Amino acid sequence: MELEVYWTEFSERELAKIFSYYNEVAGSKIAKNLIEAIINETLKLEHQPEMGQVEELLKNRKQQFRYLVFKNYKIIYWINHSKKRIEINDVFDTRQNPDKIKRITW
């Protein structure tokens, strides 16, 4: 069964922050290409939603969060079977303190 990829408001804000940073330090073309590449990476989940590893730091949540790694980022998601979609909840820069991954409650 094919599922739709859905981006939460929080994950969209995180993408906007990434774009803003790279737009400032590297230019708009690089920023745009990075954001497009992150988004394209999530499209793989439509056909293989369980391909990501389980996120150990979020195991105490009621949803089973998984992640894909793209460059320096963890794309954190869960499979919402009732809505038939994959919910992208965060794009986390892995160069941060890993405990920051718990910064939002979903």
N, C-alpha and C. Protein backbone atom coordinates (compact mmCIF):
# COMPACT_ATOMS: atom_id res chain seq x y z
N MET A 1 0.84 -1.18 0.00
CA MET A 1 0.00 0.00 0.00
C MET A 1 0.88 1.24 0.00
N GLU A 2 0.58 2.17 -0.88
CA GLU A 2 1.35 3.41 -0.96
C GLU A 2 0.76 4.45 -0.02
N LEU A 3 1.63 5.10 0.73
CA LEU A 3 1.21 6.12 1.69
C LEU A 3 1.68 7.49 1.22
N GLU A 4 0.95 8.51 1.62
CA GLU A 4 1.30 9.89 1.31
C GLU A 4 2.32 10.39 2.34
N VAL A 5 3.27 11.20 1.90
CA VAL A 5 4.21 11.84 2.81
C VAL A 5 3.61 13.18 3.23
N TYR A 6 3.50 13.38 4.54
CA TYR A 6 2.90 14.58 5.10
C TYR A 6 3.93 15.26 6.01
N TRP A 7 4.13 16.56 5.83
CA TRP A 7 5.07 17.34 6.64
C TRP A 7 4.29 18.12 7.70
N THR A 8 4.67 17.95 8.96
CA THR A 8 4.03 18.71 10.03
C THR A 8 4.54 20.16 10.00
N GLU A 9 3.84 21.02 10.71
CA GLU A 9 4.27 22.42 10.79
C GLU A 9 5.67 22.52 11.39
N PHE A 10 5.94 21.73 12.42
CA PHE A 10 7.25 21.77 13.05
C PHE A 10 8.35 21.38 12.06
N SER A 11 8.13 20.32 11.30
CA SER A 11 9.15 19.89 10.35
C SER A 11 9.34 20.91 9.23
N GLU A 12 8.26 21.55 8.82
CA GLU A 12 8.37 22.60 7.81
C GLU A 12 9.17 23.79 8.32
N ARG A 13 8.97 24.13 9.60
CA ARG A 13 9.77 25.22 10.20
C ARG A 13 11.25 24.85 10.26
N GLU A 14 11.53 23.59 10.57
CA GLU A 14 12.92 23.14 10.62
C GLU A 14 13.55 23.22 9.22
N LEU A 15 12.82 22.85 8.19
CA LEU A 15 13.31 22.99 6.82
C LEU A 15 13.57 24.45 6.48
N ALA A 16 12.67 25.32 6.91
CA ALA A 16 12.85 26.75 6.65
C ALA A 16 14.11 27.29 7.34
N LYS A 17 14.38 26.81 8.55
CA LYS A 17 15.60 27.23 9.26
C LYS A 17 16.85 26.76 8.51
N ILE A 18 16.81 25.53 8.03
CA ILE A 18 17.95 24.99 7.27
C ILE A 18 18.16 25.82 6.00
N PHE A 19 17.06 26.11 5.30
CA PHE A 19 17.15 26.92 4.09
C PHE A 19 17.74 28.29 4.41
N SER A 20 17.24 28.92 5.45
CA SER A 20 17.70 30.25 5.82
C SER A 20 19.20 30.27 6.11
N TYR A 21 19.65 29.28 6.86
CA TYR A 21 21.06 29.21 7.22
C TYR A 21 21.93 29.06 5.96
N TYR A 22 21.60 28.08 5.12
CA TYR A 22 22.42 27.84 3.93
C TYR A 22 22.28 28.96 2.90
N ASN A 23 21.14 29.60 2.86
CA ASN A 23 20.95 30.75 1.98
C ASN A 23 21.92 31.86 2.36
N GLU A 24 22.11 32.03 3.66
CA GLU A 24 22.99 33.09 4.16
C GLU A 24 24.46 32.74 3.98
N VAL A 25 24.84 31.51 4.28
CA VAL A 25 26.28 31.17 4.26
C VAL A 25 26.77 30.61 2.93
N ALA A 26 25.87 30.06 2.12
CA ALA A 26 26.33 29.40 0.88
C ALA A 26 25.61 29.87 -0.37
N GLY A 27 24.50 30.58 -0.21
CA GLY A 27 23.77 31.07 -1.37
C GLY A 27 22.46 30.33 -1.59
N SER A 28 21.58 30.98 -2.33
CA SER A 28 20.23 30.45 -2.51
C SER A 28 20.19 29.16 -3.32
N LYS A 29 21.08 29.01 -4.29
CA LYS A 29 21.07 27.80 -5.11
C LYS A 29 21.41 26.57 -4.26
N ILE A 30 22.43 26.67 -3.44
CA ILE A 30 22.82 25.56 -2.57
C ILE A 30 21.72 25.27 -1.56
N ALA A 31 21.16 26.32 -0.98
CA ALA A 31 20.08 26.13 0.01
C ALA A 31 18.88 25.44 -0.63
N LYS A 32 18.50 25.89 -1.81
CA LYS A 32 17.35 25.29 -2.50
C LYS A 32 17.63 23.83 -2.85
N ASN A 33 18.82 23.54 -3.35
CA ASN A 33 19.16 22.17 -3.72
C ASN A 33 19.15 21.24 -2.50
N LEU A 34 19.63 21.72 -1.36
CA LEU A 34 19.64 20.90 -0.15
C LEU A 34 18.22 20.58 0.30
N ILE A 35 17.36 21.59 0.32
CA ILE A 35 15.98 21.38 0.75
C ILE A 35 15.26 20.41 -0.20
N GLU A 36 15.46 20.59 -1.49
CA GLU A 36 14.85 19.68 -2.47
C GLU A 36 15.35 18.25 -2.27
N ALA A 37 16.63 18.09 -1.98
CA ALA A 37 17.20 16.76 -1.78
C ALA A 37 16.63 16.10 -0.53
N ILE A 38 16.45 16.89 0.54
CA ILE A 38 15.84 16.34 1.77
C ILE A 38 14.42 15.88 1.49
N ILE A 39 13.65 16.71 0.81
CA ILE A 39 12.27 16.36 0.48
C ILE A 39 12.22 15.12 -0.40
N ASN A 40 13.08 15.07 -1.40
CA ASN A 40 13.11 13.91 -2.31
C ASN A 40 13.48 12.64 -1.57
N GLU A 41 14.33 12.74 -0.57
CA GLU A 41 14.71 11.56 0.21
C GLU A 41 13.49 10.94 0.88
N THR A 42 12.56 11.77 1.33
CA THR A 42 11.38 11.25 2.02
C THR A 42 10.42 10.53 1.07
N LEU A 43 10.50 10.80 -0.20
CA LEU A 43 9.59 10.16 -1.16
C LEU A 43 9.82 8.65 -1.25
N LYS A 44 11.00 8.19 -0.87
CA LYS A 44 11.28 6.76 -0.83
C LYS A 44 10.33 6.05 0.14
N LEU A 45 9.88 6.78 1.15
CA LEU A 45 9.03 6.20 2.18
C LEU A 45 7.65 5.83 1.67
N GLU A 46 7.22 6.44 0.58
CA GLU A 46 5.89 6.12 0.03
C GLU A 46 5.77 4.64 -0.30
N HIS A 47 6.84 4.04 -0.76
CA HIS A 47 6.82 2.63 -1.16
C HIS A 47 7.40 1.70 -0.11
N GLN A 48 8.28 2.24 0.76
CA GLN A 48 8.91 1.43 1.80
C GLN A 48 8.89 2.20 3.12
N PRO A 49 7.73 2.34 3.72
CA PRO A 49 7.61 3.19 4.91
C PRO A 49 8.42 2.72 6.12
N GLU A 50 8.76 1.45 6.18
CA GLU A 50 9.50 0.96 7.34
C GLU A 50 10.99 0.86 7.07
N MET A 51 11.48 1.52 6.04
CA MET A 51 12.89 1.42 5.72
C MET A 51 13.78 2.13 6.73
N GLY A 52 13.25 3.12 7.43
CA GLY A 52 14.04 3.84 8.41
C GLY A 52 14.20 3.04 9.70
N GLN A 53 15.31 3.31 10.39
CA GLN A 53 15.54 2.66 11.68
C GLN A 53 14.66 3.29 12.75
N VAL A 54 14.38 2.54 13.79
CA VAL A 54 13.63 3.06 14.94
C VAL A 54 14.53 4.04 15.69
N GLU A 55 13.97 5.19 16.04
CA GLU A 55 14.73 6.21 16.79
C GLU A 55 14.71 5.87 18.27
N GLU A 56 15.83 5.40 18.75
CA GLU A 56 15.95 4.95 20.15
C GLU A 56 15.66 6.07 21.15
N LEU A 57 16.04 7.30 20.83
CA LEU A 57 15.85 8.42 21.76
C LEU A 57 14.38 8.82 21.92
N LEU A 58 13.53 8.31 21.05
CA LEU A 58 12.10 8.63 21.13
C LEU A 58 11.25 7.39 21.40
N LYS A 59 11.86 6.35 21.93
CA LYS A 59 11.14 5.09 22.18
C LYS A 59 10.03 5.22 23.22
N ASN A 60 10.11 6.22 24.07
CA ASN A 60 9.10 6.38 25.12
C ASN A 60 7.83 7.06 24.61
N ARG A 61 7.77 7.43 23.34
CA ARG A 61 6.58 8.07 22.77
C ARG A 61 5.58 7.00 22.34
N LYS A 62 4.32 7.39 22.23
CA LYS A 62 3.31 6.40 21.84
C LYS A 62 3.44 5.99 20.38
N GLN A 63 3.91 6.90 19.51
CA GLN A 63 4.17 6.54 18.12
C GLN A 63 5.55 5.89 18.03
N GLN A 64 5.71 5.03 17.04
CA GLN A 64 7.03 4.46 16.81
C GLN A 64 7.74 5.34 15.78
N PHE A 65 8.63 6.18 16.28
CA PHE A 65 9.36 7.08 15.40
C PHE A 65 10.52 6.35 14.75
N ARG A 66 10.69 6.63 13.48
CA ARG A 66 11.78 6.09 12.68
C ARG A 66 12.52 7.27 12.07
N TYR A 67 13.66 6.98 11.46
CA TYR A 67 14.38 8.06 10.81
C TYR A 67 15.16 7.56 9.60
N LEU A 68 15.36 8.49 8.68
CA LEU A 68 16.27 8.33 7.56
C LEU A 68 17.42 9.29 7.81
N VAL A 69 18.59 8.93 7.35
CA VAL A 69 19.74 9.84 7.45
C VAL A 69 20.02 10.39 6.06
N PHE A 70 20.12 11.71 5.97
CA PHE A 70 20.50 12.36 4.73
C PHE A 70 21.52 13.43 5.07
N LYS A 71 22.73 13.25 4.59
CA LYS A 71 23.86 14.14 4.91
C LYS A 71 23.98 14.24 6.42
N ASN A 72 23.85 15.45 6.99
CA ASN A 72 23.98 15.63 8.45
C ASN A 72 22.63 15.64 9.16
N TYR A 73 21.59 15.16 8.51
CA TYR A 73 20.25 15.30 9.06
C TYR A 73 19.57 13.96 9.27
N LYS A 74 18.82 13.88 10.36
CA LYS A 74 17.91 12.77 10.59
C LYS A 74 16.53 13.28 10.23
N ILE A 75 15.88 12.59 9.34
CA ILE A 75 14.50 12.91 8.97
C ILE A 75 13.64 11.98 9.80
N ILE A 76 12.96 12.54 10.80
CA ILE A 76 12.23 11.74 11.77
C ILE A 76 10.75 11.68 11.37
N TYR A 77 10.22 10.47 11.37
CA TYR A 77 8.84 10.27 10.92
C TYR A 77 8.20 9.12 11.67
N TRP A 78 6.90 9.01 11.51
CA TRP A 78 6.16 7.83 11.98
C TRP A 78 5.08 7.52 10.96
N ILE A 79 4.63 6.29 10.98
CA ILE A 79 3.62 5.83 10.03
C ILE A 79 2.26 5.95 10.69
N ASN A 80 1.44 6.84 10.18
CA ASN A 80 0.09 7.04 10.71
C ASN A 80 -0.85 6.18 9.85
N HIS A 81 -1.08 4.97 10.31
CA HIS A 81 -1.91 4.03 9.54
C HIS A 81 -3.36 4.50 9.42
N SER A 82 -3.88 5.13 10.45
CA SER A 82 -5.28 5.55 10.40
C SER A 82 -5.53 6.62 9.34
N LYS A 83 -4.53 7.48 9.09
CA LYS A 83 -4.68 8.51 8.06
C LYS A 83 -3.98 8.13 6.75
N LYS A 84 -3.40 6.94 6.72
CA LYS A 84 -2.72 6.43 5.54
C LYS A 84 -1.65 7.39 5.03
N ARG A 85 -0.79 7.80 5.98
CA ARG A 85 0.28 8.71 5.59
C ARG A 85 1.51 8.52 6.48
N ILE A 86 2.61 9.01 5.99
CA ILE A 86 3.86 9.05 6.72
C ILE A 86 4.02 10.48 7.19
N GLU A 87 4.11 10.68 8.48
CA GLU A 87 4.20 12.03 9.02
C GLU A 87 5.65 12.36 9.34
N ILE A 88 6.19 13.32 8.61
CA ILE A 88 7.54 13.81 8.87
C ILE A 88 7.41 14.80 10.02
N ASN A 89 8.05 14.47 11.15
CA ASN A 89 7.92 15.30 12.35
C ASN A 89 9.09 16.22 12.60
N ASP A 90 10.25 15.90 12.06
CA ASP A 90 11.43 16.71 12.36
C ASP A 90 12.50 16.45 11.32
N VAL A 91 13.32 17.45 11.11
CA VAL A 91 14.57 17.30 10.36
C VAL A 91 15.63 17.78 11.33
N PHE A 92 16.34 16.83 11.91
CA PHE A 92 17.24 17.10 13.03
C PHE A 92 18.69 17.07 12.56
N ASP A 93 19.41 18.16 12.85
CA ASP A 93 20.82 18.24 12.51
C ASP A 93 21.61 17.39 13.50
N THR A 94 22.26 16.36 13.02
CA THR A 94 22.94 15.40 13.89
C THR A 94 24.21 15.96 14.53
N ARG A 95 24.59 17.17 14.16
CA ARG A 95 25.76 17.79 14.79
C ARG A 95 25.40 18.45 16.12
N GLN A 96 24.14 18.41 16.48
CA GLN A 96 23.68 18.93 17.77
C GLN A 96 23.78 17.85 18.84
N ASN A 97 23.56 18.28 20.08
CA ASN A 97 23.48 17.34 21.19
C ASN A 97 22.30 16.40 20.90
N PRO A 98 22.52 15.09 20.92
CA PRO A 98 21.44 14.15 20.59
C PRO A 98 20.19 14.30 21.47
N ASP A 99 20.35 14.73 22.71
CA ASP A 99 19.19 14.88 23.59
C ASP A 99 18.23 15.96 23.10
N LYS A 100 18.69 16.86 22.25
CA LYS A 100 17.81 17.90 21.70
C LYS A 100 16.71 17.31 20.81
N ILE A 101 16.89 16.08 20.41
CA ILE A 101 15.89 15.43 19.56
C ILE A 101 14.55 15.31 20.30
N LYS A 102 14.60 15.38 21.62
CA LYS A 102 13.39 15.26 22.44
C LYS A 102 12.72 16.61 22.67
N ARG A 103 13.14 17.65 21.96
CA ARG A 103 12.74 19.02 22.25
C ARG A 103 11.27 19.33 22.01
N ILE A 104 10.57 18.53 21.30
CA ILE A 104 9.16 18.80 21.03
C ILE A 104 8.33 17.59 21.40
N THR A 105 7.12 17.84 21.82
CA THR A 105 6.22 16.72 22.11
C THR A 105 5.25 16.61 20.96
N TRP A 106 5.14 15.41 20.43
CA TRP A 106 4.20 15.15 19.32
C TRP A 106 3.04 14.37 19.85
